[in-house]
Amino acid sequence: MSDSTASLASLASEGIRSVTVLAGGISHERDVSLRSGRRVADSLAAHGLAVELRDPDASLLGHLRSTRPDVVWPALHGASGEDGALRGLLEAIDIPFVGSRSTAARLAWDKPTAKALVARAGIKTPRSITLSHDAFRELGAASVLEAIADEHPVPVVVKPARGGSAQGVTVVDTAAGLPRAMVDAYTYCEDVIVEQKIVGTEIAVGVIDTGDGPVALPAVEIVPRSGFYGFEARYNAGETRFFTPARLSGSLADEAAAAAVAAHEALGLRHLSRVDIIVDAAGTAWFLEVNVLPGLTETSLVPQALEAAGYDLGWVYAELASKAVADHRA
């Protein structure tokens, strides 16, 4: 049986005919979300499903209540899709959806919380400090920066405590660059992480679960031409070289895969996630963060990993829709 035939059989067994794909939203990642949503919608339509691609607005919940799609496929990046709020509302109106439940999404969305939970599970994560904007101002920027420099000497990575697509993220190599990096990060979030910079091989490991438990996809190695995998490097073709699978030995690849699955499970995620990891010169896999709705654009990492693993994208997206309905009924 071909993947396409098997997928149709699986969808039929769950009674799935209609899917609403949500894309766009009002976050800083709106354009990326629209690209992800279009690709998901096209892939699902190619598998025979009736697909509605919808930009969420004030009429969304009423529309979903009246149309009652068999399943919702959120392709919303940023807070509008990943902080748990929308997922909680979908739970409230009792509509199945692809991706992690609201509680798990909230935990993963908050990077300091996610780091604490995966560290408790025995996964390495870089040392860091999280500072609110209020504390930064009230305690005096100069004093706070001095304390940070003493405890977390450069090089460090400064990033918003919540958010995606590397927006507001700066790699700081000199102490003089720290104030500007803090200001940039606070533009995107009221809380900012200053994190030890780990030097090594940067990889992203997708984790999927279509029904037999979470499994790691081949790691994607990320080599940006600028040296930093920022927003431009992520979404402009040619700005980054990717190696799939990553150029790691078998044992290191296995360790990274195990760390990704362990992080996925420690945070209570389901269906799909992407775990960002640095493998240092000693072979240690360091957890950086996790994305509960990874990009699914033409330059995104999870689609690259799926294709490298021999999966048809439409088959995977349809199987995840089927798993979402099955989980909802369980």
C-alpha atoms as a PDB file:
ATOM      1  CA  MET A   1       0.000   0.000   0.000  1.00  0.00           C
ATOM      2  CA  SER A   2       1.433   3.404  -0.945  1.00  0.00           C
ATOM      3  CA  ASP A   3       1.829   6.197   1.602  1.00  0.00           C
ATOM      4  CA  SER A   4      -0.966   8.116  -0.117  1.00  0.00           C
ATOM      5  CA  THR A   5      -3.343   5.136  -0.069  1.00  0.00           C
ATOM      6  CA  ALA A   6      -2.464   4.350   3.566  1.00  0.00           C
ATOM      7  CA  SER A   7      -3.052   7.965   4.523  1.00  0.00           C
ATOM      8  CA  LEU A   8      -6.465   8.030   2.853  1.00  0.00           C
ATOM      9  CA  ALA A   9      -7.379   4.799   4.618  1.00  0.00           C
ATOM     10  CA  SER A  10      -6.309   6.267   7.954  1.00  0.00           C
ATOM     11  CA  LEU A  11      -8.307   9.446   7.346  1.00  0.00           C
ATOM     12  CA  ALA A  12     -11.349   7.463   6.306  1.00  0.00           C
ATOM     13  CA  SER A  13     -11.140   5.331   9.441  1.00  0.00           C
ATOM     14  CA  GLU A  14     -11.262   8.490  11.559  1.00  0.00           C
ATOM     15  CA  GLY A  15     -14.072   9.987   9.470  1.00  0.00           C
ATOM     16  CA  ILE A  16     -11.991  13.005   8.453  1.00  0.00           C
ATOM     17  CA  ARG A  17     -13.235  14.957   5.484  1.00  0.00           C
ATOM     18  CA  SER A  18     -12.717  18.620   6.345  1.00  0.00           C
ATOM     19  CA  VAL A  19      -9.720  20.458   7.768  1.00  0.00           C
ATOM     20  CA  THR A  20      -9.440  24.126   8.691  1.00  0.00           C
ATOM     21  CA  VAL A  21      -5.866  25.393   8.478  1.00  0.00           C
ATOM     22  CA  LEU A  22      -5.220  28.538  10.511  1.00  0.00           C
ATOM     23  CA  ALA A  23      -2.473  30.839   9.264  1.00  0.00           C
ATOM     24  CA  GLY A  24      -1.496  34.478   9.521  1.00  0.00           C
ATOM     25  CA  GLY A  25      -2.465  36.039  12.817  1.00  0.00           C
ATOM     26  CA  ILE A  26      -1.077  39.239  14.310  1.00  0.00           C
ATOM     27  CA  SER A  27       2.328  38.147  15.631  1.00  0.00           C
ATOM     28  CA  HIS A  28       5.701  39.298  14.320  1.00  0.00           C
ATOM     29  CA  GLU A  29       5.795  36.006  12.403  1.00  0.00           C
ATOM     30  CA  ARG A  30       2.630  36.574  10.379  1.00  0.00           C
ATOM     31  CA  ASP A  31       4.300  36.307   6.963  1.00  0.00           C
ATOM     32  CA  VAL A  32       6.056  33.069   7.895  1.00  0.00           C
ATOM     33  CA  SER A  33       2.788  31.652   9.182  1.00  0.00           C
ATOM     34  CA  LEU A  34       1.000  32.443   5.917  1.00  0.00           C
ATOM     35  CA  ARG A  35       3.698  30.571   3.992  1.00  0.00           C
ATOM     36  CA  SER A  36       3.535  27.588   6.352  1.00  0.00           C
ATOM     37  CA  GLY A  37      -0.246  27.480   6.233  1.00  0.00           C
ATOM     38  CA  ARG A  38      -0.392  27.544   2.452  1.00  0.00           C
ATOM     39  CA  ARG A  39       2.007  24.625   2.163  1.00  0.00           C
ATOM     40  CA  VAL A  40       0.100  22.572   4.742  1.00  0.00           C
ATOM     41  CA  ALA A  41      -3.227  23.354   3.064  1.00  0.00           C
ATOM     42  CA  ASP A  42      -1.943  22.421  -0.379  1.00  0.00           C
ATOM     43  CA  SER A  43      -0.482  19.159   0.939  1.00  0.00           C
ATOM     44  CA  LEU A  44      -3.717  18.177   2.677  1.00  0.00           C
ATOM     45  CA  ALA A  45      -5.832  19.071  -0.347  1.00  0.00           C
ATOM     46  CA  ALA A  46      -3.607  16.840  -2.490  1.00  0.00           C
ATOM     47  CA  HIS A  47      -4.670  13.971  -0.209  1.00  0.00           C
ATOM     48  CA  GLY A  48      -8.319  14.470  -0.996  1.00  0.00           C
ATOM     49  CA  LEU A  49      -9.402  16.535   1.984  1.00  0.00           C
ATOM     50  CA  ALA A  50     -11.675  19.564   1.854  1.00  0.00           C
ATOM     51  CA  VAL A  51      -9.382  22.290   3.198  1.00  0.00           C
ATOM     52  CA  GLU A  52     -10.263  25.782   4.354  1.00  0.00           C
ATOM     53  CA  LEU A  53      -7.338  28.163   4.842  1.00  0.00           C
ATOM     54  CA  ARG A  54      -8.392  30.851   7.288  1.00  0.00           C
ATOM     55  CA  ASP A  55      -6.737  33.886   8.865  1.00  0.00           C
ATOM     56  CA  PRO A  56      -7.981  34.089  12.469  1.00  0.00           C
ATOM     57  CA  ASP A  57     -10.061  37.123  13.411  1.00  0.00           C
ATOM     58  CA  ALA A  58     -12.949  38.045  15.685  1.00  0.00           C
ATOM     59  CA  SER A  59     -15.319  35.805  13.749  1.00  0.00           C
ATOM     60  CA  LEU A  60     -13.161  32.659  13.994  1.00  0.00           C
ATOM     61  CA  LEU A  61     -14.700  30.957  17.025  1.00  0.00           C
ATOM     62  CA  GLY A  62     -18.229  31.537  15.801  1.00  0.00           C
ATOM     63  CA  HIS A  63     -17.242  30.211  12.392  1.00  0.00           C
ATOM     64  CA  LEU A  64     -15.726  27.056  13.890  1.00  0.00           C
ATOM     65  CA  ARG A  65     -18.780  26.496  16.090  1.00  0.00           C
ATOM     66  CA  SER A  66     -21.076  26.671  13.085  1.00  0.00           C
ATOM     67  CA  THR A  67     -18.978  24.765  10.525  1.00  0.00           C
ATOM     68  CA  ARG A  68     -17.546  22.157  12.960  1.00  0.00           C
ATOM     69  CA  PRO A  69     -14.561  21.048  10.860  1.00  0.00           C
ATOM     70  CA  ASP A  70     -13.348  17.535  11.605  1.00  0.00           C
ATOM     71  CA  VAL A  71      -9.986  18.901  12.692  1.00  0.00           C
ATOM     72  CA  VAL A  72      -8.118  22.216  12.904  1.00  0.00           C
ATOM     73  CA  TRP A  73      -4.499  22.431  11.736  1.00  0.00           C
ATOM     74  CA  PRO A  74      -2.957  25.512  13.425  1.00  0.00           C
ATOM     75  CA  ALA A  75      -0.065  26.920  11.384  1.00  0.00           C
ATOM     76  CA  LEU A  76       0.150  30.058  13.489  1.00  0.00           C
ATOM     77  CA  HIS A  77       3.646  31.040  14.583  1.00  0.00           C
ATOM     78  CA  GLY A  78       4.417  33.355  17.460  1.00  0.00           C
ATOM     79  CA  ALA A  79       2.200  34.063  20.440  1.00  0.00           C
ATOM     80  CA  SER A  80      -1.070  33.819  18.536  1.00  0.00           C
ATOM     81  CA  GLY A  81      -0.519  30.145  17.846  1.00  0.00           C
ATOM     82  CA  GLU A  82       2.073  28.874  20.278  1.00  0.00           C
ATOM     83  CA  ASP A  83       1.406  30.364  23.712  1.00  0.00           C
ATOM     84  CA  GLY A  84      -1.501  28.026  24.444  1.00  0.00           C
ATOM     85  CA  ALA A  85      -4.331  30.582  24.280  1.00  0.00           C
ATOM     86  CA  LEU A  86      -5.811  29.535  20.940  1.00  0.00           C
ATOM     87  CA  ARG A  87      -5.354  25.869  21.796  1.00  0.00           C
ATOM     88  CA  GLY A  88      -7.233  26.412  25.045  1.00  0.00           C
ATOM     89  CA  LEU A  89     -10.128  27.944  23.138  1.00  0.00           C
ATOM     90  CA  LEU A  90     -10.196  25.032  20.691  1.00  0.00           C
ATOM     91  CA  GLU A  91     -10.339  22.718  23.703  1.00  0.00           C
ATOM     92  CA  ALA A  92     -13.179  24.810  25.140  1.00  0.00           C
ATOM     93  CA  ILE A  93     -15.305  24.503  21.984  1.00  0.00           C
ATOM     94  CA  ASP A  94     -14.399  20.814  21.711  1.00  0.00           C
ATOM     95  CA  ILE A  95     -12.752  20.763  18.275  1.00  0.00           C
ATOM     96  CA  PRO A  96      -9.791  18.433  17.600  1.00  0.00           C
ATOM     97  CA  PHE A  97      -6.559  20.134  16.571  1.00  0.00           C
ATOM     98  CA  VAL A  98      -3.072  19.136  15.524  1.00  0.00           C
ATOM     99  CA  GLY A  99      -0.305  19.906  17.971  1.00  0.00           C
ATOM    100  CA  SER A 100       0.339  20.149  21.677  1.00  0.00           C
ATOM    101  CA  ARG A 101      -2.407  20.834  24.175  1.00  0.00           C
ATOM    102  CA  SER A 102      -2.713  24.276  25.700  1.00  0.00           C
ATOM    103  CA  THR A 103      -0.937  23.502  28.988  1.00  0.00           C
ATOM    104  CA  ALA A 104       2.102  21.959  27.321  1.00  0.00           C
ATOM    105  CA  ALA A 105       2.256  24.760  24.751  1.00  0.00           C
ATOM    106  CA  ARG A 106       2.363  27.367  27.522  1.00  0.00           C
ATOM    107  CA  LEU A 107       5.248  25.571  29.210  1.00  0.00           C
ATOM    108  CA  ALA A 108       7.250  25.281  25.996  1.00  0.00           C
ATOM    109  CA  TRP A 109       6.481  28.828  24.859  1.00  0.00           C
ATOM    110  CA  ASP A 110       8.163  30.257  27.948  1.00  0.00           C
ATOM    111  CA  LYS A 111      11.841  29.538  27.324  1.00  0.00           C
ATOM    112  CA  PRO A 112      13.030  29.808  30.967  1.00  0.00           C
ATOM    113  CA  THR A 113      10.291  27.384  32.054  1.00  0.00           C
ATOM    114  CA  ALA A 114      11.126  24.975  29.239  1.00  0.00           C
ATOM    115  CA  LYS A 115      14.824  25.076  30.136  1.00  0.00           C
ATOM    116  CA  ALA A 116      14.043  24.338  33.787  1.00  0.00           C
ATOM    117  CA  LEU A 117      11.809  21.379  32.935  1.00  0.00           C
ATOM    118  CA  VAL A 118      14.224  19.750  30.509  1.00  0.00           C
ATOM    119  CA  ALA A 119      17.114  20.304  32.921  1.00  0.00           C
ATOM    120  CA  ARG A 120      15.076  18.534  35.606  1.00  0.00           C
ATOM    121  CA  ALA A 121      14.746  15.635  33.141  1.00  0.00           C
ATOM    122  CA  GLY A 122      18.548  15.394  32.970  1.00  0.00           C
ATOM    123  CA  ILE A 123      19.092  17.208  29.666  1.00  0.00           C
ATOM    124  CA  LYS A 124      21.936  19.713  29.459  1.00  0.00           C
ATOM    125  CA  THR A 125      20.990  23.350  28.823  1.00  0.00           C
ATOM    126  CA  PRO A 126      23.267  26.427  28.913  1.00  0.00           C
ATOM    127  CA  ARG A 127      23.527  28.496  32.089  1.00  0.00           C
ATOM    128  CA  SER A 128      21.329  31.574  31.905  1.00  0.00           C
ATOM    129  CA  ILE A 129      19.633  34.390  33.760  1.00  0.00           C
ATOM    130  CA  THR A 130      16.180  35.810  33.027  1.00  0.00           C
ATOM    131  CA  LEU A 131      15.446  39.481  33.675  1.00  0.00           C
ATOM    132  CA  SER A 132      12.172  41.368  33.479  1.00  0.00           C
ATOM    133  CA  HIS A 133      12.114  44.802  31.900  1.00  0.00           C
ATOM    134  CA  ASP A 134      10.841  46.235  35.186  1.00  0.00           C
ATOM    135  CA  ALA A 135      13.791  44.801  37.131  1.00  0.00           C
ATOM    136  CA  PHE A 136      16.213  46.079  34.484  1.00  0.00           C
ATOM    137  CA  ARG A 137      14.888  49.622  34.917  1.00  0.00           C
ATOM    138  CA  GLU A 138      14.210  49.670  38.654  1.00  0.00           C
ATOM    139  CA  LEU A 139      17.561  48.196  39.696  1.00  0.00           C
ATOM    140  CA  GLY A 140      19.497  50.429  37.334  1.00  0.00           C
ATOM    141  CA  ALA A 141      20.675  49.336  33.918  1.00  0.00           C
ATOM    142  CA  ALA A 142      24.346  49.932  34.703  1.00  0.00           C
ATOM    143  CA  SER A 143      24.278  47.850  37.904  1.00  0.00           C
ATOM    144  CA  VAL A 144      22.300  45.060  36.262  1.00  0.00           C
ATOM    145  CA  LEU A 145      24.646  44.898  33.266  1.00  0.00           C
ATOM    146  CA  GLU A 146      27.656  44.761  35.596  1.00  0.00           C
ATOM    147  CA  ALA A 147      26.138  41.894  37.556  1.00  0.00           C
ATOM    148  CA  ILE A 148      25.331  40.018  34.344  1.00  0.00           C
ATOM    149  CA  ALA A 149      28.861  40.478  33.031  1.00  0.00           C
ATOM    150  CA  ASP A 150      30.320  39.115  36.277  1.00  0.00           C
ATOM    151  CA  GLU A 151      28.145  35.996  36.340  1.00  0.00           C
ATOM    152  CA  HIS A 152      27.763  35.420  32.594  1.00  0.00           C
ATOM    153  CA  PRO A 153      30.877  36.714  30.818  1.00  0.00           C
ATOM    154  CA  VAL A 154      30.756  37.071  27.046  1.00  0.00           C
ATOM    155  CA  PRO A 155      30.207  35.440  24.696  1.00  0.00           C
ATOM    156  CA  VAL A 156      26.510  35.185  25.500  1.00  0.00           C
ATOM    157  CA  VAL A 157      23.258  35.002  23.594  1.00  0.00           C
ATOM    158  CA  VAL A 158      20.575  37.537  24.492  1.00  0.00           C
ATOM    159  CA  LYS A 159      17.018  36.658  23.473  1.00  0.00           C
ATOM    160  CA  PRO A 160      13.389  37.297  24.338  1.00  0.00           C
ATOM    161  CA  ALA A 161      12.028  34.797  26.840  1.00  0.00           C
ATOM    162  CA  ARG A 162       9.098  34.143  24.524  1.00  0.00           C
ATOM    163  CA  GLY A 163       8.999  34.283  20.748  1.00  0.00           C
ATOM    164  CA  GLY A 164      10.346  32.583  17.667  1.00  0.00           C
ATOM    165  CA  SER A 165      12.188  32.948  14.368  1.00  0.00           C
ATOM    166  CA  ALA A 166      15.201  34.408  16.227  1.00  0.00           C
ATOM    167  CA  GLN A 167      13.539  37.827  16.351  1.00  0.00           C
ATOM    168  CA  GLY A 168      15.240  40.030  18.930  1.00  0.00           C
ATOM    169  CA  VAL A 169      18.126  37.573  19.351  1.00  0.00           C
ATOM    170  CA  THR A 170      21.734  38.821  19.479  1.00  0.00           C
ATOM    171  CA  VAL A 171      25.009  36.984  19.887  1.00  0.00           C
ATOM    172  CA  VAL A 172      27.145  39.241  22.108  1.00  0.00           C
ATOM    173  CA  ASP A 173      30.906  38.791  21.784  1.00  0.00           C
ATOM    174  CA  THR A 174      32.026  41.894  23.703  1.00  0.00           C
ATOM    175  CA  ALA A 175      30.714  43.502  26.886  1.00  0.00           C
ATOM    176  CA  ALA A 176      30.139  46.731  24.971  1.00  0.00           C
ATOM    177  CA  GLY A 177      27.472  45.005  22.877  1.00  0.00           C
ATOM    178  CA  LEU A 178      25.343  43.877  25.823  1.00  0.00           C
ATOM    179  CA  PRO A 179      23.278  47.071  26.390  1.00  0.00           C
ATOM    180  CA  ARG A 180      22.109  47.258  22.765  1.00  0.00           C
ATOM    181  CA  ALA A 181      21.277  43.541  22.760  1.00  0.00           C
ATOM    182  CA  MET A 182      19.117  43.944  25.865  1.00  0.00           C
ATOM    183  CA  VAL A 183      17.206  46.853  24.333  1.00  0.00           C
ATOM    184  CA  ASP A 184      16.608  44.879  21.136  1.00  0.00           C
ATOM    185  CA  ALA A 185      15.316  41.834  23.022  1.00  0.00           C
ATOM    186  CA  TYR A 186      12.999  43.930  25.225  1.00  0.00           C
ATOM    187  CA  THR A 187      11.381  45.234  22.050  1.00  0.00           C
ATOM    188  CA  TYR A 188       9.872  41.772  21.602  1.00  0.00           C
ATOM    189  CA  CYS A 189       9.209  40.656  25.174  1.00  0.00           C
ATOM    190  CA  GLU A 190       9.028  41.981  28.736  1.00  0.00           C
ATOM    191  CA  ASP A 191      11.423  39.232  29.890  1.00  0.00           C
ATOM    192  CA  VAL A 192      14.867  38.555  28.435  1.00  0.00           C
ATOM    193  CA  ILE A 193      17.274  35.637  28.758  1.00  0.00           C
ATOM    194  CA  VAL A 194      21.044  36.087  28.851  1.00  0.00           C
ATOM    195  CA  GLU A 195      22.468  32.665  28.089  1.00  0.00           C
ATOM    196  CA  GLN A 196      25.930  31.172  27.927  1.00  0.00           C
ATOM    197  CA  LYS A 197      26.970  30.759  24.300  1.00  0.00           C
ATOM    198  CA  ILE A 198      27.777  27.157  23.446  1.00  0.00           C
ATOM    199  CA  VAL A 199      30.181  26.726  20.551  1.00  0.00           C
ATOM    200  CA  GLY A 200      29.616  23.694  18.373  1.00  0.00           C
ATOM    201  CA  THR A 201      27.426  22.230  15.671  1.00  0.00           C
ATOM    202  CA  GLU A 202      23.996  23.810  15.546  1.00  0.00           C
ATOM    203  CA  ILE A 203      21.238  21.358  14.710  1.00  0.00           C
ATOM    204  CA  ALA A 204      17.466  21.144  14.739  1.00  0.00           C
ATOM    205  CA  VAL A 205      15.773  17.854  15.494  1.00  0.00           C
ATOM    206  CA  GLY A 206      12.148  17.412  14.513  1.00  0.00           C
ATOM    207  CA  VAL A 207      10.004  15.065  16.584  1.00  0.00           C
ATOM    208  CA  ILE A 208       6.800  13.564  15.199  1.00  0.00           C
ATOM    209  CA  ASP A 209       4.194  11.169  16.544  1.00  0.00           C
ATOM    210  CA  THR A 210       1.705   9.762  14.059  1.00  0.00           C
ATOM    211  CA  GLY A 211       0.522   7.054  16.408  1.00  0.00           C
ATOM    212  CA  ASP A 212       3.392   4.886  17.631  1.00  0.00           C
ATOM    213  CA  GLY A 213       5.037   7.326  20.032  1.00  0.00           C
ATOM    214  CA  PRO A 214       7.406  10.243  19.401  1.00  0.00           C
ATOM    215  CA  VAL A 215      10.358   9.619  17.090  1.00  0.00           C
ATOM    216  CA  ALA A 216      13.201  11.901  16.098  1.00  0.00           C
ATOM    217  CA  LEU A 217      13.690  12.869  12.479  1.00  0.00           C
ATOM    218  CA  PRO A 218      17.183  13.164  10.981  1.00  0.00           C
ATOM    219  CA  ALA A 219      18.958  16.149  12.506  1.00  0.00           C
ATOM    220  CA  VAL A 220      19.360  19.171  10.247  1.00  0.00           C
ATOM    221  CA  GLU A 221      22.735  20.900  10.575  1.00  0.00           C
ATOM    222  CA  ILE A 222      22.548  24.669  10.216  1.00  0.00           C
ATOM    223  CA  VAL A 223      25.461  26.662   8.726  1.00  0.00           C
ATOM    224  CA  PRO A 224      24.428  30.303   8.153  1.00  0.00           C
ATOM    225  CA  ARG A 225      26.665  32.333   5.861  1.00  0.00           C
ATOM    226  CA  SER A 226      26.645  35.211   8.355  1.00  0.00           C
ATOM    227  CA  GLY A 227      27.597  32.914  11.233  1.00  0.00           C
ATOM    228  CA  PHE A 228      24.267  33.568  13.001  1.00  0.00           C
ATOM    229  CA  TYR A 229      20.992  31.824  12.230  1.00  0.00           C
ATOM    230  CA  GLY A 230      18.821  34.916  12.508  1.00  0.00           C
ATOM    231  CA  PHE A 231      15.522  35.815  10.879  1.00  0.00           C
ATOM    232  CA  GLU A 232      16.991  36.666   7.474  1.00  0.00           C
ATOM    233  CA  ALA A 233      19.092  33.519   7.445  1.00  0.00           C
ATOM    234  CA  ARG A 234      16.030  31.424   8.260  1.00  0.00           C
ATOM    235  CA  TYR A 235      13.659  32.637   5.599  1.00  0.00           C
ATOM    236  CA  ASN A 236      15.742  33.909   2.689  1.00  0.00           C
ATOM    237  CA  ALA A 237      16.878  31.174   0.339  1.00  0.00           C
ATOM    238  CA  GLY A 238      20.647  30.944  -0.024  1.00  0.00           C
ATOM    239  CA  GLU A 239      21.487  32.624   3.290  1.00  0.00           C
ATOM    240  CA  THR A 240      22.087  29.322   5.087  1.00  0.00           C
ATOM    241  CA  ARG A 241      23.489  25.955   4.121  1.00  0.00           C
ATOM    242  CA  PHE A 242      21.781  22.887   5.535  1.00  0.00           C
ATOM    243  CA  PHE A 243      23.072  19.354   5.869  1.00  0.00           C
ATOM    244  CA  THR A 244      20.466  16.640   6.334  1.00  0.00           C
ATOM    245  CA  PRO A 245      21.320  14.439   8.055  1.00  0.00           C
ATOM    246  CA  ALA A 246      23.744  16.535  10.100  1.00  0.00           C
ATOM    247  CA  ARG A 247      27.441  15.805   9.775  1.00  0.00           C
ATOM    248  CA  LEU A 248      27.634  14.021  13.120  1.00  0.00           C
ATOM    249  CA  SER A 249      28.932  10.592  13.962  1.00  0.00           C
ATOM    250  CA  GLY A 250      26.311   7.918  14.511  1.00  0.00           C
ATOM    251  CA  SER A 251      26.688   8.011  18.288  1.00  0.00           C
ATOM    252  CA  LEU A 252      26.403  11.810  18.464  1.00  0.00           C
ATOM    253  CA  ALA A 253      23.385  11.799  16.170  1.00  0.00           C
ATOM    254  CA  ASP A 254      21.773   9.185  18.409  1.00  0.00           C
ATOM    255  CA  GLU A 255      22.505  11.258  21.525  1.00  0.00           C
ATOM    256  CA  ALA A 256      20.975  14.362  19.960  1.00  0.00           C
ATOM    257  CA  ALA A 257      17.908  12.395  18.847  1.00  0.00           C
ATOM    258  CA  ALA A 258      17.453  10.967  22.344  1.00  0.00           C
ATOM    259  CA  ALA A 259      17.771  14.447  23.882  1.00  0.00           C
ATOM    260  CA  ALA A 260      15.148  15.830  21.489  1.00  0.00           C
ATOM    261  CA  VAL A 261      12.636  13.090  22.236  1.00  0.00           C
ATOM    262  CA  ALA A 262      13.314  13.416  25.973  1.00  0.00           C
ATOM    263  CA  ALA A 263      12.689  17.177  25.822  1.00  0.00           C
ATOM    264  CA  HIS A 264       9.483  16.621  23.827  1.00  0.00           C
ATOM    265  CA  GLU A 265       8.264  14.169  26.472  1.00  0.00           C
ATOM    266  CA  ALA A 266       9.442  16.241  29.458  1.00  0.00           C
ATOM    267  CA  LEU A 267       7.301  19.147  28.253  1.00  0.00           C
ATOM    268  CA  GLY A 268       4.298  16.942  27.533  1.00  0.00           C
ATOM    269  CA  LEU A 269       4.216  17.814  23.837  1.00  0.00           C
ATOM    270  CA  ARG A 270       2.375  15.842  21.183  1.00  0.00           C
ATOM    271  CA  HIS A 271       2.201  15.292  17.418  1.00  0.00           C
ATOM    272  CA  LEU A 272       4.978  17.631  16.248  1.00  0.00           C
ATOM    273  CA  SER A 273       7.810  19.729  17.627  1.00  0.00           C
ATOM    274  CA  ARG A 274      11.288  20.924  16.761  1.00  0.00           C
ATOM    275  CA  VAL A 275      14.092  20.922  19.315  1.00  0.00           C
ATOM    276  CA  ASP A 276      17.067  23.236  18.796  1.00  0.00           C
ATOM    277  CA  ILE A 277      20.368  21.826  20.024  1.00  0.00           C
ATOM    278  CA  ILE A 278      24.100  22.623  19.977  1.00  0.00           C
ATOM    279  CA  VAL A 279      26.516  19.689  20.004  1.00  0.00           C
ATOM    280  CA  ASP A 280      29.806  20.895  21.488  1.00  0.00           C
ATOM    281  CA  ALA A 281      33.341  19.678  20.790  1.00  0.00           C
ATOM    282  CA  ALA A 282      33.085  17.153  23.620  1.00  0.00           C
ATOM    283  CA  GLY A 283      29.995  15.618  22.024  1.00  0.00           C
ATOM    284  CA  THR A 284      27.498  16.952  24.559  1.00  0.00           C
ATOM    285  CA  ALA A 285      24.046  17.851  23.221  1.00  0.00           C
ATOM    286  CA  TRP A 286      22.831  21.133  24.752  1.00  0.00           C
ATOM    287  CA  PHE A 287      19.120  21.972  24.661  1.00  0.00           C
ATOM    288  CA  LEU A 288      18.441  25.553  23.567  1.00  0.00           C
ATOM    289  CA  GLU A 289      14.682  25.727  23.057  1.00  0.00           C
ATOM    290  CA  VAL A 290      11.717  23.903  21.559  1.00  0.00           C
ATOM    291  CA  ASN A 291       9.125  25.036  19.044  1.00  0.00           C
ATOM    292  CA  VAL A 292       5.626  23.550  19.346  1.00  0.00           C
ATOM    293  CA  LEU A 293       4.683  24.704  15.849  1.00  0.00           C
ATOM    294  CA  PRO A 294       7.879  24.664  13.774  1.00  0.00           C
ATOM    295  CA  GLY A 295       8.028  26.491  10.475  1.00  0.00           C
ATOM    296  CA  LEU A 296       6.709  24.515   7.523  1.00  0.00           C
ATOM    297  CA  THR A 297       7.784  26.840   4.723  1.00  0.00           C
ATOM    298  CA  GLU A 298       9.910  25.925   1.720  1.00  0.00           C
ATOM    299  CA  THR A 299      13.083  26.800   3.665  1.00  0.00           C
ATOM    300  CA  SER A 300      12.015  25.387   7.046  1.00  0.00           C
ATOM    301  CA  LEU A 301      13.872  22.623   8.825  1.00  0.00           C
ATOM    302  CA  VAL A 302      11.184  20.065   9.668  1.00  0.00           C
ATOM    303  CA  PRO A 303      10.099  19.636   6.021  1.00  0.00           C
ATOM    304  CA  GLN A 304      13.750  19.112   5.094  1.00  0.00           C
ATOM    305  CA  ALA A 305      14.068  16.438   7.767  1.00  0.00           C
ATOM    306  CA  LEU A 306      10.844  14.717   6.720  1.00  0.00           C
ATOM    307  CA  GLU A 307      11.972  14.549   3.109  1.00  0.00           C
ATOM    308  CA  ALA A 308      15.414  13.274   4.150  1.00  0.00           C
ATOM    309  CA  ALA A 309      13.685  10.514   6.124  1.00  0.00           C
ATOM    310  CA  GLY A 310      11.750   9.517   3.000  1.00  0.00           C
ATOM    311  CA  TYR A 311       8.364  10.823   4.098  1.00  0.00           C
ATOM    312  CA  ASP A 312       5.831  12.438   1.806  1.00  0.00           C
ATOM    313  CA  LEU A 313       4.904  15.758   3.437  1.00  0.00           C
ATOM    314  CA  GLY A 314       1.220  15.427   2.618  1.00  0.00           C
ATOM    315  CA  TRP A 315       1.122  11.943   4.108  1.00  0.00           C
ATOM    316  CA  VAL A 316       2.672  13.168   7.364  1.00  0.00           C
ATOM    317  CA  TYR A 317       0.365  16.184   7.649  1.00  0.00           C
ATOM    318  CA  ALA A 318      -2.669  13.985   6.961  1.00  0.00           C
ATOM    319  CA  GLU A 319      -1.517  11.373   9.478  1.00  0.00           C
ATOM    320  CA  LEU A 320      -1.067  14.069  12.124  1.00  0.00           C
ATOM    321  CA  ALA A 321      -4.619  15.218  11.436  1.00  0.00           C
ATOM    322  CA  SER A 322      -5.800  11.633  11.894  1.00  0.00           C
ATOM    323  CA  LYS A 323      -3.826  11.322  15.148  1.00  0.00           C
ATOM    324  CA  ALA A 324      -5.359  14.560  16.437  1.00  0.00           C
ATOM    325  CA  VAL A 325      -8.871  13.206  15.905  1.00  0.00           C
ATOM    326  CA  ALA A 326      -7.972   9.852  17.480  1.00  0.00           C
ATOM    327  CA  ASP A 327      -6.482  11.610  20.527  1.00  0.00           C
ATOM    328  CA  HIS A 328      -9.575  13.762  20.847  1.00  0.00           C
ATOM    329  CA  ARG A 329     -11.793  10.689  20.964  1.00  0.00           C
ATOM    330  CA  ALA A 330      -9.587   8.816  23.429  1.00  0.00           C
END
